[in-house]
Amino acid sequence: MSCPGQAILGQNLTCTLQAYNGSNVPTDADALPTYSVYENTTNTAILTGTMAKLDDAGTAGLYAISLTISTANGFALWKSYSVRYATEIGGNAVAAVDNFNVVQSALSATTTTGALTTLANVLTYIGQASGDDDALITALIARATSAMEAYCGRTFTSTTYRQIYDGTGGPNLWVNQTPITAIQLLATGRMGAVSITNVNTDAWNAYANVDVTNLELVVNGGTNDGTDTLTLATYTLTTLVTAINALGTGWTAVLLDSTKATWEAAELLPVGGIGALDPDLTYLEVPNEIKTDFSFEGPSGRVHSHSMFPLGTDNIIIRYTAGEATTPADLEQICIDLVNTYYLSRERDTTVMEEKLGDHSVTYGDREGAGMSYRNIPKSLQMRLGPYKRFRMPI
């Protein structure tokens, strides 16, 4: 008989049985063997059935079953199960038992789009073939990437950001993500570009939300209670005003500055929950003065303005691209090493600091000062991550 010791929730588990006669020679059973599956030591089988003959023309007495390891069939994570096979051979009743545990479902293992390595590269490094642990290793890649990014204070993969900063009153600004590879927009100040209001007389509230993707117009109460959502990337400011006025749910909009008429609506700055029930207005803002007299230092994230950044709160708007277009080889190796550390630690208690055999004693504690610290990243890997930590300089 043969049955893997672990089954993954959400996948199938195949078990086989080889029947022998009294002389230990493979032989067909008198009838197809039956099987019963039990959880732990419960008295009632959660699954029963009949095994199938495998390769009837080429083998004697080889049988198989495929069990669907699902919650619908009564299986649950981290529990153990027994499979009992029963049949008759030469008129004699025979039985055999296999055992297995149910482990993490592959469906729950997710990875970030910015993962720093691949399952294939990790498997090659640790000398392991693709198999039952693929889902676990895929999840560990995501966790290692997240831990490394938190430790270094940055996102590694190349991404475009729009961020808002306080003006320093000086020539320099340091952005959050590095290395900068391009700046698409740098502006100071903000100005109202569109005013909106809702004229429903039976509503008790109306407000607008703007995020990087959508404009939400919300009415509370009355005939037009509900939310209208407009995708910003679809519009210029002119066509957005037209779309708002065409909604038919009491919203009216006015373009306040004709010089911004052809601006993409995606340039609208975030706003949330500002009351817009008549006579109140909500003003949707865009960046005001676009700067062209600047330079940047990619690795440090420093942006230099030759005419100074005006002192203020949330008055500097920048859209830029930062991060690694291709993961550096040494950074990927650090991620692989961290994944391997996590993978191996599943077989031991990492809180054990010291264990003695004579008059056995165990000392527990955290790993700070013992080779591990921040998010269980070994000190040796922290040192190798040093060049990738977010760089900061005083204003």
Protein backbone atom coordinates (compact mmCIF):
# COMPACT_ATOMS: atom_id res chain seq x y z
CA MET A 1 0.00 0.00 0.00
CA SER A 2 1.14 3.54 -0.64
CA CYS A 3 -0.42 6.83 0.38
CA PRO A 4 1.43 10.18 0.75
CA GLY A 5 1.77 11.34 4.33
CA GLN A 6 0.40 14.79 3.52
CA ALA A 7 -2.62 15.93 1.54
CA ILE A 8 -3.27 19.51 0.40
CA LEU A 9 -6.73 20.88 1.08
CA GLY A 10 -8.39 21.58 -2.25
CA GLN A 11 -6.41 18.98 -4.22
CA ASN A 12 -6.69 15.24 -4.89
CA LEU A 13 -4.78 12.53 -3.03
CA THR A 14 -3.99 9.23 -4.78
CA CYS A 15 -3.48 6.06 -2.72
CA THR A 16 -2.51 2.63 -4.10
CA LEU A 17 -2.78 -0.90 -2.77
CA GLN A 18 -0.84 -3.98 -3.90
CA ALA A 19 -2.49 -7.29 -3.02
CA TYR A 20 -0.43 -10.44 -2.31
CA ASN A 21 -1.31 -14.10 -1.81
CA GLY A 22 -0.11 -16.27 1.07
CA SER A 23 3.24 -16.81 -0.69
CA ASN A 24 3.77 -13.05 -0.93
CA VAL A 25 3.24 -13.07 -4.70
CA PRO A 26 1.24 -10.20 -6.27
CA THR A 27 -2.22 -11.47 -7.09
CA ASP A 28 -5.67 -10.10 -7.89
CA ALA A 29 -8.10 -9.94 -5.00
CA ASP A 30 -11.32 -11.94 -5.11
CA ALA A 31 -13.20 -8.65 -5.54
CA LEU A 32 -12.32 -4.98 -5.84
CA PRO A 33 -11.08 -3.72 -2.44
CA THR A 34 -13.23 -1.26 -0.54
CA TYR A 35 -11.96 1.71 1.40
CA SER A 36 -13.13 3.79 4.37
CA VAL A 37 -11.65 7.15 5.49
CA TYR A 38 -11.75 8.16 9.18
CA GLU A 39 -10.87 11.48 10.81
CA ASN A 40 -8.52 11.00 13.76
CA THR A 41 -10.17 8.38 15.98
CA THR A 42 -13.82 9.01 15.10
CA ASN A 43 -16.09 5.98 14.74
CA THR A 44 -17.87 6.97 11.52
CA ALA A 45 -16.17 7.04 8.12
CA ILE A 46 -16.37 10.36 6.28
CA LEU A 47 -15.82 8.66 2.90
CA THR A 48 -16.32 5.11 1.64
CA GLY A 49 -16.04 3.51 -1.76
CA THR A 50 -14.46 0.90 -4.00
CA MET A 51 -10.94 0.99 -5.39
CA ALA A 52 -10.26 0.68 -9.13
CA LYS A 53 -7.98 -1.88 -10.76
CA LEU A 54 -4.84 -0.21 -12.11
CA ASP A 55 -3.36 -1.48 -15.40
CA ASP A 56 -5.40 -4.67 -15.39
CA ALA A 57 -3.57 -6.17 -18.37
CA GLY A 58 -0.08 -5.45 -17.11
CA THR A 59 -0.25 -5.97 -13.36
CA ALA A 60 -1.67 -8.35 -10.80
CA GLY A 61 -3.44 -7.02 -7.72
CA LEU A 62 -2.67 -3.30 -8.12
CA TYR A 63 -5.53 -0.97 -7.10
CA ALA A 64 -5.90 2.80 -6.66
CA ILE A 65 -8.23 5.49 -5.37
CA SER A 66 -8.24 9.26 -5.85
CA LEU A 67 -9.63 11.15 -2.85
CA THR A 68 -10.84 14.74 -3.25
CA ILE A 69 -9.49 16.50 -0.15
CA SER A 70 -12.18 19.13 0.29
CA THR A 71 -14.26 20.59 3.10
CA ALA A 72 -17.34 19.30 1.28
CA ASN A 73 -15.99 15.77 1.79
CA GLY A 74 -15.38 16.41 5.50
CA PHE A 75 -11.66 17.21 5.45
CA ALA A 76 -10.17 20.06 7.49
CA LEU A 77 -6.77 21.71 7.80
CA TRP A 78 -4.17 20.21 10.14
CA LYS A 79 -6.21 17.12 11.02
CA SER A 80 -5.04 13.52 10.56
CA TYR A 81 -6.91 10.76 8.72
CA SER A 82 -6.76 6.98 8.32
CA VAL A 83 -7.66 5.02 5.17
CA ARG A 84 -8.66 1.40 5.72
CA TYR A 85 -8.61 -0.97 2.74
CA ALA A 86 -10.46 -4.32 2.91
CA THR A 87 -10.88 -7.24 0.51
CA GLU A 88 -10.59 -11.04 0.27
CA ILE A 89 -7.75 -13.01 -1.31
CA GLY A 90 -8.29 -16.75 -1.82
CA GLY A 91 -11.33 -16.57 0.42
CA ASN A 92 -9.39 -14.97 3.28
CA ALA A 93 -10.29 -11.50 4.57
CA VAL A 94 -7.37 -9.04 4.51
CA ALA A 95 -7.09 -5.36 5.49
CA ALA A 96 -4.49 -2.59 5.50
CA VAL A 97 -4.33 0.99 6.82
CA ASP A 98 -2.67 4.21 5.58
CA ASN A 99 -2.45 7.58 7.40
CA PHE A 100 -2.07 11.16 6.22
CA ASN A 101 -2.39 14.76 7.44
CA VAL A 102 -4.18 17.62 5.67
CA VAL A 103 -2.02 20.73 5.21
CA GLN A 104 -2.37 24.25 3.84
CA SER A 105 -4.43 24.73 0.72
CA ALA A 106 -2.59 25.87 -2.37
CA LEU A 107 -5.44 28.31 -2.98
CA SER A 108 -4.56 30.31 0.15
CA ALA A 109 -0.94 30.82 -0.84
CA THR A 110 -0.59 34.19 -2.53
CA THR A 111 2.35 36.24 -3.68
CA THR A 112 2.81 39.90 -4.42
CA THR A 113 3.23 41.08 -7.98
CA GLY A 114 6.59 42.43 -6.89
CA ALA A 115 8.01 39.12 -5.66
CA LEU A 116 11.80 39.20 -5.70
CA THR A 117 12.29 35.65 -6.91
CA THR A 118 10.38 32.75 -8.42
CA LEU A 119 9.32 29.32 -7.24
CA ALA A 120 11.51 27.74 -9.93
CA ASN A 121 14.62 29.62 -8.79
CA VAL A 122 14.06 28.69 -5.14
CA LEU A 123 13.52 25.02 -5.98
CA THR A 124 16.69 24.97 -8.08
CA TYR A 125 18.71 26.55 -5.27
CA ILE A 126 17.52 24.18 -2.54
CA GLY A 127 17.80 21.15 -4.85
CA GLN A 128 14.15 20.17 -4.64
CA ALA A 129 11.77 19.08 -7.37
CA SER A 130 8.37 20.67 -7.81
CA GLY A 131 5.88 18.95 -5.54
CA ASP A 132 3.71 19.14 -2.45
CA ASP A 133 5.59 22.12 -0.94
CA ASP A 134 5.19 24.41 -3.97
CA ALA A 135 2.25 26.28 -2.43
CA LEU A 136 4.11 26.79 0.84
CA ILE A 137 7.28 28.04 -0.88
CA THR A 138 5.24 30.40 -3.09
CA ALA A 139 3.70 31.89 0.04
CA LEU A 140 7.11 32.17 1.72
CA ILE A 141 8.43 34.13 -1.29
CA ALA A 142 5.68 36.70 -0.71
CA ARG A 143 6.43 36.84 3.03
CA ALA A 144 10.18 37.19 2.47
CA THR A 145 9.63 39.97 -0.08
CA SER A 146 7.33 41.80 2.34
CA ALA A 147 9.81 41.46 5.22
CA MET A 148 12.71 42.73 3.12
CA GLU A 149 10.71 45.72 1.87
CA ALA A 150 9.61 46.61 5.40
CA TYR A 151 13.18 46.34 6.68
CA CYS A 152 14.54 48.52 3.86
CA GLY A 153 11.62 50.98 3.97
CA ARG A 154 10.93 50.80 0.24
CA THR A 155 9.26 48.88 -2.59
CA PHE A 156 11.84 47.19 -4.79
CA THR A 157 10.06 46.67 -8.11
CA SER A 158 9.65 49.58 -10.53
CA THR A 159 6.37 51.41 -9.88
CA THR A 160 4.91 54.82 -10.74
CA TYR A 161 3.71 56.89 -7.77
CA ARG A 162 1.79 60.12 -7.29
CA GLN A 163 2.58 61.50 -3.86
CA ILE A 164 2.00 64.72 -1.94
CA TYR A 165 4.63 66.26 0.37
CA ASP A 166 5.02 69.26 2.62
CA GLY A 167 7.08 72.05 1.11
CA THR A 168 10.46 72.36 2.82
CA GLY A 169 11.18 76.03 2.17
CA GLY A 170 14.50 74.85 0.79
CA PRO A 171 15.91 73.46 -2.47
CA ASN A 172 15.66 69.73 -1.65
CA LEU A 173 12.91 67.17 -1.27
CA TRP A 174 13.41 63.44 -0.57
CA VAL A 175 10.72 61.12 -1.91
CA ASN A 176 9.74 57.85 -0.23
CA GLN A 177 10.72 55.43 -3.00
CA THR A 178 14.11 54.91 -4.61
CA PRO A 179 15.91 54.81 -6.95
CA ILE A 180 14.07 57.47 -8.96
CA THR A 181 14.23 56.66 -12.65
CA ALA A 182 11.87 59.34 -14.03
CA ILE A 183 9.74 62.29 -12.91
CA GLN A 184 6.58 62.86 -14.93
CA LEU A 185 5.15 65.81 -12.98
CA LEU A 186 6.39 68.17 -10.26
CA ALA A 187 4.07 70.95 -9.12
CA THR A 188 3.65 73.33 -6.22
CA GLY A 189 0.36 74.40 -4.72
CA ARG A 190 -3.15 73.36 -5.66
CA MET A 191 -6.11 75.11 -7.22
CA GLY A 192 -9.82 74.45 -7.57
CA ALA A 193 -10.58 73.16 -11.07
CA VAL A 194 -14.17 71.93 -10.78
CA SER A 195 -16.95 72.84 -8.34
CA ILE A 196 -19.78 70.41 -7.71
CA THR A 197 -22.97 70.50 -5.68
CA ASN A 198 -26.09 68.37 -5.31
CA VAL A 199 -29.50 70.07 -5.45
CA ASN A 200 -31.69 67.23 -4.15
CA THR A 201 -34.15 68.81 -1.70
CA ASP A 202 -35.14 65.48 -0.11
CA ALA A 203 -31.54 64.32 0.65
CA TRP A 204 -30.00 64.91 4.05
CA ASN A 205 -26.36 64.65 2.87
CA ALA A 206 -24.27 64.59 -0.30
CA TYR A 207 -20.51 64.36 -0.68
CA ALA A 208 -17.66 63.52 -3.05
CA ASN A 209 -14.69 61.17 -2.83
CA VAL A 210 -11.70 61.26 -5.17
CA ASP A 211 -8.98 58.60 -5.17
CA VAL A 212 -6.35 57.72 -7.76
CA THR A 213 -8.91 55.84 -9.84
CA ASN A 214 -12.46 57.12 -9.33
CA LEU A 215 -14.72 60.03 -8.51
CA GLU A 216 -17.55 58.88 -6.24
CA LEU A 217 -20.61 61.09 -5.84
CA VAL A 218 -22.74 59.98 -2.90
CA VAL A 219 -26.30 61.01 -2.02
CA ASN A 220 -27.78 60.04 1.36
CA GLY A 221 -31.58 59.92 1.56
CA GLY A 222 -34.33 60.93 -0.83
CA THR A 223 -35.24 59.80 -4.30
CA ASN A 224 -31.66 59.71 -5.60
CA ASP A 225 -30.09 57.96 -2.61
CA GLY A 226 -27.02 56.07 -3.82
CA THR A 227 -23.57 56.38 -5.38
CA ASP A 228 -22.46 57.37 -8.87
CA THR A 229 -18.92 56.30 -9.78
CA LEU A 230 -16.93 57.83 -12.65
CA THR A 231 -13.59 56.35 -13.72
CA LEU A 232 -11.19 59.29 -13.97
CA ALA A 233 -8.98 57.84 -16.69
CA THR A 234 -11.98 58.03 -19.05
CA TYR A 235 -12.28 61.82 -18.95
CA THR A 236 -10.68 65.21 -19.38
CA LEU A 237 -11.87 67.86 -16.93
CA THR A 238 -14.25 69.20 -19.59
CA THR A 239 -15.81 65.82 -20.36
CA LEU A 240 -15.94 64.99 -16.63
CA VAL A 241 -18.04 68.10 -15.98
CA THR A 242 -20.33 67.07 -18.84
CA ALA A 243 -20.66 63.54 -17.43
CA ILE A 244 -21.49 64.81 -13.92
CA ASN A 245 -24.23 67.11 -15.25
CA ALA A 246 -25.69 64.23 -17.28
CA LEU A 247 -26.06 61.85 -14.32
CA GLY A 248 -29.63 62.91 -13.54
CA THR A 249 -29.20 62.38 -9.80
CA GLY A 250 -29.12 66.04 -8.76
CA TRP A 251 -25.42 66.73 -9.36
CA THR A 252 -24.23 69.89 -11.11
CA ALA A 253 -20.62 70.74 -11.97
CA VAL A 254 -18.79 73.82 -13.26
CA LEU A 255 -15.30 74.05 -14.80
CA LEU A 256 -13.60 76.88 -12.90
CA ASP A 257 -10.48 77.43 -15.04
CA SER A 258 -10.61 77.16 -18.82
CA THR A 259 -6.82 76.76 -18.98
CA LYS A 260 -7.28 73.34 -17.33
CA ALA A 261 -10.06 72.23 -19.70
CA THR A 262 -7.97 69.59 -21.48
CA TRP A 263 -6.25 68.27 -18.35
CA GLU A 264 -6.81 64.59 -17.71
CA ALA A 265 -9.30 64.03 -14.88
CA ALA A 266 -6.80 61.58 -13.36
CA GLU A 267 -4.80 64.63 -12.21
CA LEU A 268 -7.51 65.47 -9.66
CA LEU A 269 -6.08 65.38 -6.14
CA PRO A 270 -7.53 63.07 -3.48
CA VAL A 271 -10.49 64.36 -1.46
CA GLY A 272 -12.86 62.51 0.81
CA GLY A 273 -16.24 63.15 2.37
CA ILE A 274 -16.48 66.90 1.67
CA GLY A 275 -20.09 68.04 1.97
CA ALA A 276 -21.69 69.10 -1.31
CA LEU A 277 -25.41 69.37 -0.57
CA ASP A 278 -26.72 72.70 -1.86
CA PRO A 279 -25.82 75.42 -0.87
CA ASP A 280 -22.45 73.75 -0.02
CA LEU A 281 -19.89 73.15 -2.76
CA THR A 282 -17.07 70.68 -3.13
CA TYR A 283 -14.03 71.91 -5.00
CA LEU A 284 -12.06 69.32 -6.91
CA GLU A 285 -8.43 70.41 -7.07
CA VAL A 286 -5.51 69.89 -9.43
CA PRO A 287 -1.81 70.83 -9.10
CA ASN A 288 -1.29 74.54 -9.63
CA GLU A 289 2.19 75.59 -10.79
CA ILE A 290 4.09 73.00 -12.78
CA LYS A 291 7.84 73.17 -12.16
CA THR A 292 10.46 72.56 -14.82
CA ASP A 293 13.57 73.85 -13.02
CA PHE A 294 14.47 70.66 -11.16
CA SER A 295 16.88 67.76 -11.20
CA PHE A 296 16.97 64.51 -9.26
CA GLU A 297 19.46 62.10 -7.77
CA GLY A 298 18.08 58.63 -8.40
CA PRO A 299 19.71 56.42 -5.74
CA SER A 300 19.04 58.78 -2.82
CA GLY A 301 15.57 59.92 -3.92
CA ARG A 302 16.60 63.57 -3.72
CA VAL A 303 14.73 66.08 -5.90
CA HIS A 304 16.44 69.47 -6.26
CA SER A 305 14.50 72.61 -7.21
CA HIS A 306 16.55 75.56 -8.42
CA SER A 307 13.82 77.99 -7.30
CA MET A 308 13.16 76.37 -3.89
CA PHE A 309 10.15 74.42 -2.67
CA PRO A 310 7.73 76.84 -1.00
CA LEU A 311 7.08 76.16 2.68
CA GLY A 312 3.66 74.64 3.22
CA THR A 313 1.52 71.62 4.06
CA ASP A 314 0.59 69.11 1.33
CA ASN A 315 1.63 71.65 -1.30
CA ILE A 316 4.16 69.65 -3.34
CA ILE A 317 2.72 67.16 -5.84
CA ILE A 318 5.02 64.75 -7.65
CA ARG A 319 4.44 61.86 -10.01
CA TYR A 320 7.52 59.74 -10.51
CA THR A 321 8.79 56.24 -11.27
CA ALA A 322 11.09 54.47 -8.83
CA GLY A 323 12.39 50.98 -8.18
CA GLU A 324 14.31 48.26 -9.95
CA ALA A 325 13.17 47.44 -13.47
CA THR A 326 15.02 44.12 -13.10
CA THR A 327 15.69 42.57 -9.70
CA PRO A 328 19.45 42.77 -9.00
CA ALA A 329 21.03 39.33 -8.74
CA ASP A 330 22.35 39.88 -5.21
CA LEU A 331 18.91 41.08 -4.01
CA GLU A 332 17.24 37.99 -5.46
CA GLN A 333 19.81 35.77 -3.74
CA ILE A 334 19.06 37.45 -0.39
CA CYS A 335 15.36 36.72 -0.95
CA ILE A 336 16.11 33.07 -1.85
CA ASP A 337 18.26 32.71 1.29
CA LEU A 338 15.49 34.21 3.45
CA VAL A 339 12.86 31.92 1.89
CA ASN A 340 15.12 28.95 2.62
CA THR A 341 15.53 30.14 6.23
CA TYR A 342 11.76 30.32 6.66
CA TYR A 343 11.31 26.96 4.92
CA LEU A 344 13.82 25.14 7.15
CA SER A 345 12.52 26.78 10.35
CA ARG A 346 9.18 24.98 9.99
CA GLU A 347 10.91 21.87 11.35
CA ARG A 348 12.22 23.49 14.52
CA ASP A 349 11.05 25.86 17.24
CA THR A 350 12.84 29.15 16.56
CA THR A 351 11.97 30.44 20.05
CA VAL A 352 14.29 27.86 21.64
CA MET A 353 17.42 29.77 22.67
CA GLU A 354 19.22 27.01 24.57
CA GLU A 355 18.66 23.33 25.27
CA LYS A 356 20.64 21.03 27.59
CA LEU A 357 20.56 17.23 27.63
CA GLY A 358 21.80 16.52 31.17
CA ASP A 359 18.93 17.32 33.56
CA HIS A 360 17.13 18.45 30.46
CA SER A 361 16.18 22.12 30.32
CA VAL A 362 15.01 24.47 27.58
CA THR A 363 15.38 28.25 27.48
CA TYR A 364 12.92 30.20 25.33
CA GLY A 365 13.11 33.77 24.08
CA ASP A 366 13.17 35.96 20.98
CA ARG A 367 16.00 35.87 18.51
CA GLU A 368 17.20 39.47 18.99
CA GLY A 369 20.93 39.37 19.60
CA ALA A 370 21.08 35.70 18.65
CA GLY A 371 21.44 36.01 14.92
CA MET A 372 17.84 37.02 14.17
CA SER A 373 15.89 40.20 14.75
CA TYR A 374 13.68 42.34 12.55
CA ARG A 375 10.85 40.16 11.16
CA ASN A 376 13.04 37.09 11.59
CA ILE A 377 15.59 38.30 9.06
CA PRO A 378 18.98 36.88 10.07
CA LYS A 379 21.61 39.47 10.98
CA SER A 380 23.82 38.24 8.13
CA LEU A 381 21.04 38.99 5.63
CA GLN A 382 20.38 42.37 7.24
CA MET A 383 24.00 43.31 6.58
CA ARG A 384 23.65 42.27 2.94
CA LEU A 385 20.47 44.37 2.68
CA GLY A 386 22.30 47.46 3.95
CA PRO A 387 22.90 49.00 0.49
CA TYR A 388 19.18 48.74 -0.28
CA LYS A 389 17.86 50.52 2.82
CA ARG A 390 16.05 53.79 2.19
CA PHE A 391 18.51 56.68 2.21
CA ARG A 392 17.71 59.81 4.23
CA MET A 393 19.43 63.17 4.51
CA PRO A 394 18.45 66.28 6.49
CA ILE A 395 16.76 69.14 4.64
